N, C-alpha and C. Protein backbone atom coordinates (compact mmCIF):
# COMPACT_ATOMS: atom_id res chain seq x y z
N MET A 1 31.44 -10.36 -3.47
CA MET A 1 32.47 -9.72 -4.29
C MET A 1 31.83 -8.96 -5.43
N ASN A 2 32.36 -7.78 -5.72
CA ASN A 2 31.80 -7.03 -6.84
C ASN A 2 32.59 -7.29 -8.11
N GLY A 3 32.08 -6.80 -9.24
CA GLY A 3 32.69 -7.06 -10.54
C GLY A 3 34.08 -6.51 -10.72
N SER A 4 34.40 -5.39 -10.04
CA SER A 4 35.74 -4.82 -10.21
C SER A 4 36.81 -5.71 -9.60
N ASN A 5 36.45 -6.50 -8.57
CA ASN A 5 37.42 -7.43 -7.99
C ASN A 5 37.68 -8.60 -8.92
N LEU A 6 36.67 -8.99 -9.68
CA LEU A 6 36.82 -10.11 -10.60
C LEU A 6 37.49 -9.70 -11.90
N HIS A 7 37.32 -8.47 -12.29
CA HIS A 7 37.89 -7.94 -13.54
C HIS A 7 38.56 -6.60 -13.25
N PRO A 8 39.75 -6.64 -12.64
CA PRO A 8 40.38 -5.39 -12.20
C PRO A 8 41.09 -4.59 -13.29
N TRP A 9 41.10 -5.06 -14.52
CA TRP A 9 41.77 -4.35 -15.62
C TRP A 9 40.73 -3.90 -16.63
N GLN A 10 40.83 -2.66 -17.07
CA GLN A 10 39.90 -2.16 -18.08
C GLN A 10 40.67 -1.67 -19.29
N VAL A 11 40.02 -1.79 -20.44
CA VAL A 11 40.58 -1.30 -21.70
C VAL A 11 39.83 -0.01 -22.04
N ILE A 12 40.60 1.03 -22.28
CA ILE A 12 40.06 2.36 -22.57
C ILE A 12 40.41 2.73 -24.01
N ARG A 13 39.41 3.24 -24.73
CA ARG A 13 39.64 3.82 -26.05
C ARG A 13 39.76 5.32 -25.82
N GLN A 14 40.91 5.88 -26.21
CA GLN A 14 41.12 7.31 -26.04
C GLN A 14 41.32 7.94 -27.41
N GLU A 15 40.48 8.92 -27.72
CA GLU A 15 40.56 9.60 -29.00
C GLU A 15 41.46 10.82 -28.89
N LYS A 16 41.96 11.27 -30.03
CA LYS A 16 42.88 12.41 -30.05
C LYS A 16 42.26 13.67 -29.44
N ASN A 17 40.93 13.80 -29.51
CA ASN A 17 40.27 14.98 -28.96
C ASN A 17 40.09 14.89 -27.45
N GLY A 18 40.57 13.80 -26.83
CA GLY A 18 40.50 13.65 -25.38
C GLY A 18 39.35 12.80 -24.88
N SER A 19 38.40 12.46 -25.74
CA SER A 19 37.29 11.60 -25.32
C SER A 19 37.81 10.22 -24.96
N ARG A 20 37.24 9.65 -23.88
CA ARG A 20 37.65 8.32 -23.40
C ARG A 20 36.42 7.46 -23.20
N TYR A 21 36.53 6.18 -23.60
CA TYR A 21 35.43 5.24 -23.47
C TYR A 21 35.96 3.92 -22.96
N ARG A 22 35.35 3.38 -21.92
CA ARG A 22 35.73 2.05 -21.45
C ARG A 22 35.06 1.05 -22.38
N ILE A 23 35.86 0.18 -22.97
CA ILE A 23 35.31 -0.77 -23.92
C ILE A 23 35.40 -2.21 -23.45
N GLY A 24 36.03 -2.44 -22.31
CA GLY A 24 36.08 -3.80 -21.80
C GLY A 24 36.74 -3.88 -20.45
N ARG A 25 36.41 -4.95 -19.71
CA ARG A 25 37.05 -5.24 -18.43
C ARG A 25 37.56 -6.66 -18.49
N CYS A 26 38.74 -6.87 -17.92
CA CYS A 26 39.40 -8.17 -18.01
C CYS A 26 39.93 -8.60 -16.65
N ALA A 27 40.13 -9.90 -16.51
CA ALA A 27 40.63 -10.46 -15.25
C ALA A 27 42.13 -10.23 -15.08
N THR A 28 42.87 -10.19 -16.19
CA THR A 28 44.32 -10.01 -16.11
C THR A 28 44.78 -8.92 -17.08
N ARG A 29 45.95 -8.38 -16.79
CA ARG A 29 46.52 -7.37 -17.69
C ARG A 29 46.83 -7.97 -19.06
N SER A 30 47.33 -9.20 -19.09
CA SER A 30 47.66 -9.81 -20.38
C SER A 30 46.40 -10.05 -21.21
N GLU A 31 45.30 -10.37 -20.56
CA GLU A 31 44.02 -10.53 -21.27
C GLU A 31 43.60 -9.19 -21.89
N ALA A 32 43.78 -8.11 -21.15
CA ALA A 32 43.45 -6.78 -21.66
C ALA A 32 44.35 -6.42 -22.84
N GLN A 33 45.63 -6.77 -22.77
CA GLN A 33 46.55 -6.51 -23.89
C GLN A 33 46.13 -7.29 -25.13
N ARG A 34 45.70 -8.53 -24.95
CA ARG A 34 45.23 -9.33 -26.09
C ARG A 34 43.99 -8.71 -26.73
N LEU A 35 43.10 -8.17 -25.91
CA LEU A 35 41.92 -7.48 -26.44
C LEU A 35 42.35 -6.31 -27.31
N ILE A 36 43.31 -5.53 -26.83
CA ILE A 36 43.81 -4.39 -27.62
C ILE A 36 44.41 -4.88 -28.93
N GLU A 37 45.18 -5.95 -28.90
CA GLU A 37 45.77 -6.49 -30.13
C GLU A 37 44.69 -6.88 -31.13
N ARG A 38 43.61 -7.49 -30.65
CA ARG A 38 42.51 -7.87 -31.54
C ARG A 38 41.83 -6.62 -32.12
N LEU A 39 41.64 -5.60 -31.30
CA LEU A 39 41.03 -4.37 -31.78
C LEU A 39 41.89 -3.70 -32.85
N ARG A 40 43.18 -3.66 -32.60
CA ARG A 40 44.10 -3.05 -33.58
C ARG A 40 44.18 -3.87 -34.85
N ALA A 41 44.12 -5.18 -34.75
CA ALA A 41 44.18 -6.04 -35.93
C ALA A 41 42.98 -5.81 -36.84
N GLY A 42 41.86 -5.44 -36.27
CA GLY A 42 40.66 -5.16 -37.05
C GLY A 42 40.73 -3.84 -37.79
N ARG A 43 41.75 -3.05 -37.50
CA ARG A 43 41.91 -1.74 -38.14
C ARG A 43 43.15 -1.72 -39.04
N THR A 44 43.43 -2.81 -39.70
CA THR A 44 44.67 -2.93 -40.48
C THR A 44 44.77 -1.95 -41.63
N GLU A 45 43.65 -1.41 -42.08
CA GLU A 45 43.71 -0.47 -43.21
C GLU A 45 44.21 0.91 -42.79
N ILE A 46 44.29 1.16 -41.48
CA ILE A 46 44.75 2.46 -40.98
C ILE A 46 46.11 2.27 -40.29
N PRO A 47 47.17 2.87 -40.84
CA PRO A 47 48.47 2.75 -40.17
C PRO A 47 48.40 3.33 -38.76
N PRO A 48 49.04 2.69 -37.76
CA PRO A 48 48.98 3.17 -36.38
C PRO A 48 49.39 4.63 -36.21
N SER A 49 50.34 5.10 -37.00
CA SER A 49 50.79 6.48 -36.86
C SER A 49 49.74 7.48 -37.34
N HIS A 50 48.74 7.04 -38.11
CA HIS A 50 47.70 7.92 -38.62
C HIS A 50 46.36 7.70 -37.91
N SER A 51 46.34 6.85 -36.93
CA SER A 51 45.11 6.55 -36.23
C SER A 51 44.72 7.72 -35.33
N ASP A 52 43.41 7.95 -35.21
CA ASP A 52 42.94 9.02 -34.34
C ASP A 52 42.52 8.49 -32.97
N VAL A 53 42.79 7.22 -32.68
CA VAL A 53 42.47 6.64 -31.38
C VAL A 53 43.66 5.84 -30.84
N ASP A 54 43.66 5.66 -29.54
CA ASP A 54 44.66 4.83 -28.89
C ASP A 54 43.92 3.98 -27.87
N TYR A 55 44.49 2.84 -27.52
CA TYR A 55 43.89 1.96 -26.53
C TYR A 55 44.84 1.86 -25.34
N LEU A 56 44.28 1.96 -24.14
CA LEU A 56 45.06 1.93 -22.91
C LEU A 56 44.54 0.83 -22.00
N VAL A 57 45.43 0.30 -21.17
CA VAL A 57 45.04 -0.64 -20.13
C VAL A 57 45.19 0.08 -18.80
N GLU A 58 44.14 0.05 -17.99
CA GLU A 58 44.17 0.69 -16.68
C GLU A 58 43.69 -0.28 -15.63
N ARG A 59 44.27 -0.19 -14.46
CA ARG A 59 43.82 -1.00 -13.33
C ARG A 59 42.66 -0.28 -12.65
N VAL A 60 41.61 -1.01 -12.35
CA VAL A 60 40.45 -0.44 -11.67
C VAL A 60 40.74 -0.39 -10.20
N GLU A 61 40.67 0.78 -9.62
CA GLU A 61 40.90 0.95 -8.18
C GLU A 61 39.61 0.64 -7.43
N ALA A 62 39.73 0.41 -6.14
CA ALA A 62 38.57 0.05 -5.31
C ALA A 62 37.47 1.10 -5.39
N GLY A 63 37.82 2.37 -5.54
CA GLY A 63 36.84 3.43 -5.61
C GLY A 63 36.24 3.61 -7.00
N GLY A 64 36.61 2.74 -7.94
CA GLY A 64 36.06 2.82 -9.29
C GLY A 64 36.88 3.64 -10.26
N ARG A 65 37.95 4.25 -9.80
CA ARG A 65 38.81 5.05 -10.69
C ARG A 65 39.97 4.20 -11.17
N GLY A 66 40.37 4.40 -12.41
CA GLY A 66 41.47 3.63 -12.96
C GLY A 66 42.73 4.44 -13.11
N ARG A 67 43.82 3.73 -13.35
CA ARG A 67 45.08 4.42 -13.67
C ARG A 67 45.90 3.48 -14.54
N ARG A 68 46.82 4.03 -15.28
CA ARG A 68 47.64 3.26 -16.21
C ARG A 68 48.59 2.36 -15.51
């Protein structure tokens, strides 16, 4: 079994300029959501409406491509 089967959910950091970075892989969607909550909690000094980044959860497809 490869790693994508064990961790089929990925957390993506997407910046306003369109840049995207995979910052984590998780076994479940809820685990990925908790990771995003922890990341956002660490940025409490920046109101969400003024943030220049967003975090997305995507499922990893067998071919290595993800989707929301």
